[in-house]
Amino acid sequence: MSKEKTTRVTIDADDLRSEIRDKSVKVLDIRKEEDYKQGHIPGAINLPLASLLADDSPEKVLQYAQSFGIGDETSVVVYDDTFGALASRVAWTLEYIGHENVSLLGITFSTWKRLGLEINTESPSTSKTNHSLKLQPQILATSDYLVPAKEKGAVLVDNRERLNFLEQHIPGAINIPYKMLASGQNILRPKEDLKRLMQNRNISSNSEIITYCGSVGTLSGLGYYALKSIGLDNVKLYVRSFKEWKSLEKPIEKQQDANYWDLSAE
């Protein structure tokens, strides 16, 4: 595998608590508003994923960031209660508009509570700030990009459940179900485990890798950050994923001879 970058993909609970005390971080809670109001990590700002997906244009995402007081250099940590997938989609979207300092909380909110860590019900006040817009097209894949990229040797990773993959997928894709990315109470496996997983799939460290899932890029967002966590730089997210691919009536591949054994992705 390639040399790991210094970018922090995940942050553990203790480090986040320290940064919250130091007021050196903005924390985004991606859960529904009613769940957020019942209790959240102290200081967290609520940005339900549904609100973001209603309009995830760069201009709208920039408005969110500025209204939350997120400037270019602000450290941002995103969490959810859905094994990191929803948080991954929001983190990637911030990264796409040019925000570099964004990380995922390494555990879900339920785990945070189960560990007996602090929660409260207060909504923090925020002061609007400025954030520049520097789009990062190198982390985005579109439907038109996939075929020429595959022809040049790009690896296409389908992060959906194994059965969904066997029924139909983008031609040439390999399957790494999102459930294989986590371990224990952490949203991502240890780096050495993830490296072995990728090596077992013959994914080379210098490959271009494109992740996709069913519709909006959540499961594949987690796949994107799993790859980033082991130092792979040339990774893109096909945000509109298989739903768009199918609606465009592009070629679809099926596993014609799938049997029980094929349901195991290990």
Protein backbone atom coordinates (compact mmCIF):
# COMPACT_ATOMS: atom_id res chain seq x y z
CA MET A 1 0.00 0.00 0.00
CA SER A 2 1.04 3.58 -0.54
CA LYS A 3 2.41 5.86 2.09
CA GLU A 4 -0.32 7.17 4.34
CA LYS A 5 -1.23 10.83 4.24
CA THR A 6 -1.45 12.83 7.42
CA THR A 7 -5.13 13.60 6.82
CA ARG A 8 -7.18 12.39 9.78
CA VAL A 9 -10.04 10.26 8.50
CA THR A 10 -11.47 9.28 11.90
CA ILE A 11 -11.15 10.68 15.41
CA ASP A 12 -11.70 8.71 18.59
CA ALA A 13 -14.06 9.78 21.35
CA ASP A 14 -11.38 10.91 23.82
CA ASP A 15 -9.69 13.15 21.27
CA LEU A 16 -13.01 14.66 20.24
CA ARG A 17 -13.92 15.37 23.86
CA SER A 18 -10.60 17.23 24.28
CA GLU A 19 -11.21 19.28 21.14
CA ILE A 20 -14.75 20.12 22.28
CA ARG A 21 -13.35 21.36 25.62
CA ASP A 22 -10.76 23.43 23.75
CA LYS A 23 -13.49 24.78 21.45
CA SER A 24 -11.21 23.91 18.54
CA VAL A 25 -13.75 21.92 16.53
CA LYS A 26 -17.19 22.14 14.93
CA VAL A 27 -19.22 18.97 15.38
CA LEU A 28 -22.02 18.07 12.95
CA ASP A 29 -24.81 15.69 13.93
CA ILE A 30 -26.37 14.17 10.81
CA ARG A 31 -29.37 12.53 12.50
CA LYS A 32 -32.99 13.61 12.18
CA GLU A 33 -33.92 16.78 14.05
CA GLU A 34 -36.21 14.95 16.50
CA ASP A 35 -33.39 12.56 17.46
CA TYR A 36 -30.95 15.44 17.81
CA LYS A 37 -33.33 17.31 20.14
CA GLN A 38 -33.53 14.30 22.47
CA GLY A 39 -29.79 14.49 23.09
CA HIS A 40 -26.54 14.95 21.21
CA ILE A 41 -22.82 15.40 21.69
CA PRO A 42 -22.22 18.74 23.48
CA GLY A 43 -21.85 21.61 21.03
CA ALA A 44 -22.98 19.59 18.02
CA ILE A 45 -24.87 21.36 15.24
CA ASN A 46 -27.71 19.48 13.56
CA LEU A 47 -27.57 18.97 9.80
CA PRO A 48 -30.00 16.14 8.93
CA LEU A 49 -28.81 14.25 5.87
CA ALA A 50 -32.24 14.69 4.26
CA SER A 51 -31.77 18.47 4.39
CA LEU A 52 -28.43 18.20 2.65
CA LEU A 53 -29.70 15.79 0.00
CA ALA A 54 -32.63 18.09 -0.79
CA ASP A 55 -30.03 20.40 -2.35
CA ASP A 56 -26.41 19.29 -2.23
CA SER A 57 -25.22 21.82 -4.79
CA PRO A 58 -21.83 23.31 -3.88
CA GLU A 59 -23.43 26.71 -3.38
CA LYS A 60 -25.97 25.37 -0.88
CA VAL A 61 -23.37 23.33 0.99
CA LEU A 62 -21.20 26.43 1.18
CA GLN A 63 -24.15 28.32 2.72
CA TYR A 64 -24.51 25.61 5.37
CA ALA A 65 -20.81 25.71 6.22
CA GLN A 66 -20.76 29.50 6.52
CA SER A 67 -23.95 29.64 8.60
CA PHE A 68 -22.46 27.07 11.02
CA GLY A 69 -19.34 29.19 11.47
CA ILE A 70 -17.11 26.83 9.50
CA GLY A 71 -14.22 28.69 7.91
CA ASP A 72 -11.54 27.29 5.62
CA GLU A 73 -9.32 26.19 8.51
CA THR A 74 -12.03 25.01 10.92
CA SER A 75 -11.67 21.45 12.18
CA VAL A 76 -14.94 19.60 11.53
CA VAL A 77 -16.06 16.23 12.90
CA VAL A 78 -19.18 14.52 11.59
CA TYR A 79 -21.15 11.74 13.28
CA ASP A 80 -24.38 9.78 12.89
CA ASP A 81 -26.10 6.73 14.32
CA THR A 82 -26.00 4.76 11.09
CA PHE A 83 -22.57 3.06 11.17
CA GLY A 84 -20.88 6.16 9.75
CA ALA A 85 -22.48 6.01 6.30
CA LEU A 86 -24.58 9.18 6.55
CA ALA A 87 -21.73 11.09 8.20
CA SER A 88 -19.44 9.93 5.39
CA ARG A 89 -21.72 11.41 2.75
CA VAL A 90 -21.72 14.79 4.49
CA ALA A 91 -17.97 14.72 5.14
CA TRP A 92 -17.33 13.93 1.47
CA THR A 93 -19.61 16.79 0.41
CA LEU A 94 -17.65 19.22 2.56
CA GLU A 95 -14.46 17.85 1.09
CA TYR A 96 -15.85 18.36 -2.41
CA ILE A 97 -16.40 22.09 -1.83
CA GLY A 98 -12.79 22.36 -0.68
CA HIS A 99 -12.92 21.86 3.08
CA GLU A 100 -9.85 19.80 3.95
CA ASN A 101 -10.06 19.49 7.72
CA VAL A 102 -13.00 17.12 8.13
CA SER A 103 -13.08 13.79 10.01
CA LEU A 104 -15.56 11.11 10.99
CA LEU A 105 -16.19 10.24 14.62
CA GLY A 106 -14.92 6.67 14.87
CA ILE A 107 -18.03 5.47 16.71
CA THR A 108 -21.79 6.01 16.36
CA PHE A 109 -23.86 8.16 18.69
CA SER A 110 -25.39 5.04 20.29
CA THR A 111 -21.92 3.80 21.16
CA TRP A 112 -21.02 7.25 22.54
CA LYS A 113 -24.05 7.03 24.84
CA ARG A 114 -23.36 3.43 25.78
CA LEU A 115 -19.86 4.47 26.88
CA GLY A 116 -21.48 6.95 29.27
CA LEU A 117 -20.03 10.01 27.54
CA GLU A 118 -21.53 13.47 27.86
CA ILE A 119 -24.68 14.44 25.97
CA ASN A 120 -26.97 17.44 26.22
CA THR A 121 -30.01 18.96 24.55
CA GLU A 122 -28.75 22.51 24.00
CA SER A 123 -28.53 23.89 20.47
CA PRO A 124 -25.33 25.93 20.18
CA SER A 125 -25.37 29.48 18.88
CA THR A 126 -23.31 29.97 15.74
CA SER A 127 -21.77 33.01 14.10
CA LYS A 128 -21.67 33.20 10.33
CA THR A 129 -18.23 33.18 8.78
CA ASN A 130 -16.69 33.08 5.32
CA HIS A 131 -15.55 29.96 3.52
CA SER A 132 -14.02 29.84 0.07
CA LEU A 133 -15.34 27.56 -2.67
CA LYS A 134 -12.61 25.41 -4.20
CA LEU A 135 -14.26 22.45 -5.89
CA GLN A 136 -12.33 19.17 -5.84
CA PRO A 137 -13.42 17.40 -9.05
CA GLN A 138 -10.76 14.73 -8.53
CA ILE A 139 -12.91 13.08 -5.82
CA LEU A 140 -16.12 12.99 -7.89
CA ALA A 141 -17.07 10.43 -10.54
CA THR A 142 -19.98 10.86 -12.93
CA SER A 143 -21.75 8.23 -15.04
CA ASP A 144 -19.93 9.43 -18.15
CA TYR A 145 -16.59 9.13 -16.40
CA LEU A 146 -16.91 5.46 -15.38
CA VAL A 147 -16.49 3.67 -18.71
CA PRO A 148 -13.36 5.49 -19.93
CA ALA A 149 -11.90 5.23 -16.42
CA LYS A 150 -12.52 1.46 -16.37
CA GLU A 151 -10.88 1.14 -19.78
CA LYS A 152 -7.81 2.84 -18.33
CA GLY A 153 -7.67 0.37 -15.44
CA ALA A 154 -9.73 2.06 -12.72
CA VAL A 155 -11.17 -0.27 -10.07
CA LEU A 156 -14.92 0.04 -9.53
CA VAL A 157 -16.07 -0.94 -6.02
CA ASP A 158 -19.72 -1.71 -5.25
CA ASN A 159 -20.39 -1.25 -1.52
CA ARG A 160 -23.93 -2.64 -1.50
CA GLU A 161 -25.07 -5.85 0.18
CA ARG A 162 -23.77 -8.98 -1.51
CA LEU A 163 -27.20 -10.11 -2.69
CA ASN A 164 -27.91 -6.75 -4.36
CA PHE A 165 -24.58 -6.97 -6.13
CA LEU A 166 -25.21 -10.52 -7.35
CA GLU A 167 -28.60 -9.53 -8.76
CA GLN A 168 -27.22 -6.61 -10.78
CA HIS A 169 -24.24 -4.29 -10.80
CA ILE A 170 -22.18 -2.05 -13.04
CA PRO A 171 -20.10 -4.26 -15.37
CA GLY A 172 -16.64 -5.09 -14.03
CA ALA A 173 -17.33 -3.89 -10.48
CA ILE A 174 -16.03 -5.83 -7.49
CA ASN A 175 -18.09 -6.15 -4.32
CA ILE A 176 -16.93 -4.99 -0.90
CA PRO A 177 -20.14 -4.84 1.16
CA TYR A 178 -20.24 -1.94 3.59
CA LYS A 179 -20.70 -4.33 6.51
CA MET A 180 -17.19 -5.61 5.94
CA LEU A 181 -15.68 -2.19 6.64
CA ALA A 182 -16.55 -2.00 10.36
CA SER A 183 -15.32 -3.93 13.37
CA GLY A 184 -16.54 -4.05 16.94
CA GLN A 185 -17.83 -0.66 18.00
CA ASN A 186 -15.82 1.24 15.38
CA ILE A 187 -17.24 2.40 12.06
CA LEU A 188 -14.02 1.32 10.31
CA ARG A 189 -11.77 -1.68 10.84
CA PRO A 190 -8.16 -1.16 11.94
CA LYS A 191 -5.94 -0.02 9.08
CA GLU A 192 -4.04 -3.31 8.82
CA ASP A 193 -7.32 -5.22 8.46
CA LEU A 194 -8.53 -2.85 5.75
CA LYS A 195 -5.22 -3.13 3.91
CA ARG A 196 -5.51 -6.92 3.92
CA LEU A 197 -9.09 -6.70 2.70
CA MET A 198 -8.05 -4.54 -0.26
CA GLN A 199 -5.05 -6.73 -1.04
CA ASN A 200 -7.34 -9.79 -1.05
CA ARG A 201 -9.41 -7.99 -3.69
CA ASN A 202 -6.24 -7.30 -5.73
CA ILE A 203 -6.68 -3.56 -5.28
CA SER A 204 -3.30 -2.00 -5.87
CA SER A 205 -2.17 1.10 -3.99
CA ASN A 206 -1.60 2.98 -7.22
CA SER A 207 -5.00 2.16 -8.74
CA GLU A 208 -7.67 4.73 -9.33
CA ILE A 209 -10.65 3.52 -7.28
CA ILE A 210 -14.28 4.55 -7.69
CA THR A 211 -16.87 3.59 -5.09
CA TYR A 212 -20.63 3.44 -5.59
CA CYS A 213 -23.71 2.08 -3.81
CA GLY A 214 -27.48 2.07 -4.34
CA SER A 215 -28.57 5.67 -4.70
CA VAL A 216 -27.11 8.66 -2.87
CA GLY A 217 -23.52 7.73 -2.04
CA THR A 218 -23.83 6.90 1.66
CA LEU A 219 -22.59 3.29 1.81
CA SER A 220 -20.00 4.11 -0.83
CA GLY A 221 -19.08 7.24 1.11
CA LEU A 222 -18.04 4.93 3.94
CA GLY A 223 -16.14 2.88 1.36
CA TYR A 224 -14.44 6.05 0.14
CA TYR A 225 -13.21 6.89 3.66
CA ALA A 226 -12.16 3.31 4.34
CA LEU A 227 -9.83 3.58 1.35
CA LYS A 228 -8.64 7.04 2.37
CA SER A 229 -7.90 5.77 5.89
CA ILE A 230 -5.22 3.42 4.55
CA GLY A 231 -3.52 6.15 2.57
CA LEU A 232 -5.04 5.61 -0.86
CA ASP A 233 -5.20 8.99 -2.56
CA ASN A 234 -6.74 8.34 -5.98
CA VAL A 235 -10.29 7.62 -4.82
CA LYS A 236 -13.53 8.96 -6.28
CA LEU A 237 -17.15 8.68 -5.22
CA TYR A 238 -19.81 8.02 -7.85
CA VAL A 239 -22.33 10.01 -5.85
CA ARG A 240 -25.48 9.28 -7.88
CA SER A 241 -24.58 5.59 -7.83
CA PHE A 242 -26.46 2.60 -9.22
CA LYS A 243 -29.88 4.27 -9.18
CA GLU A 244 -28.75 6.85 -11.71
CA TRP A 245 -26.77 4.28 -13.74
CA LYS A 246 -29.88 2.12 -14.11
CA SER A 247 -32.17 5.07 -14.89
CA LEU A 248 -29.82 6.02 -17.74
CA GLU A 249 -30.29 2.48 -19.09
CA LYS A 250 -26.58 1.81 -19.09
CA PRO A 251 -25.22 -1.76 -19.24
CA ILE A 252 -25.86 -3.97 -16.21
CA GLU A 253 -24.13 -7.21 -15.27
CA LYS A 254 -25.62 -10.11 -13.31
CA GLN A 255 -23.96 -13.04 -11.55
CA GLN A 256 -25.65 -15.73 -13.62
CA ASP A 257 -24.28 -18.71 -11.71
CA ALA A 258 -24.57 -17.30 -8.19
CA ASN A 259 -24.97 -19.94 -5.52
CA TYR A 260 -25.07 -19.97 -1.72
CA TRP A 261 -21.30 -19.68 -1.48
CA ASP A 262 -21.40 -16.46 -3.48
CA LEU A 263 -23.36 -14.77 -0.71
CA SER A 264 -20.20 -14.77 1.38
CA ALA A 265 -18.03 -11.83 0.46
CA GLU A 266 -15.07 -12.85 2.61
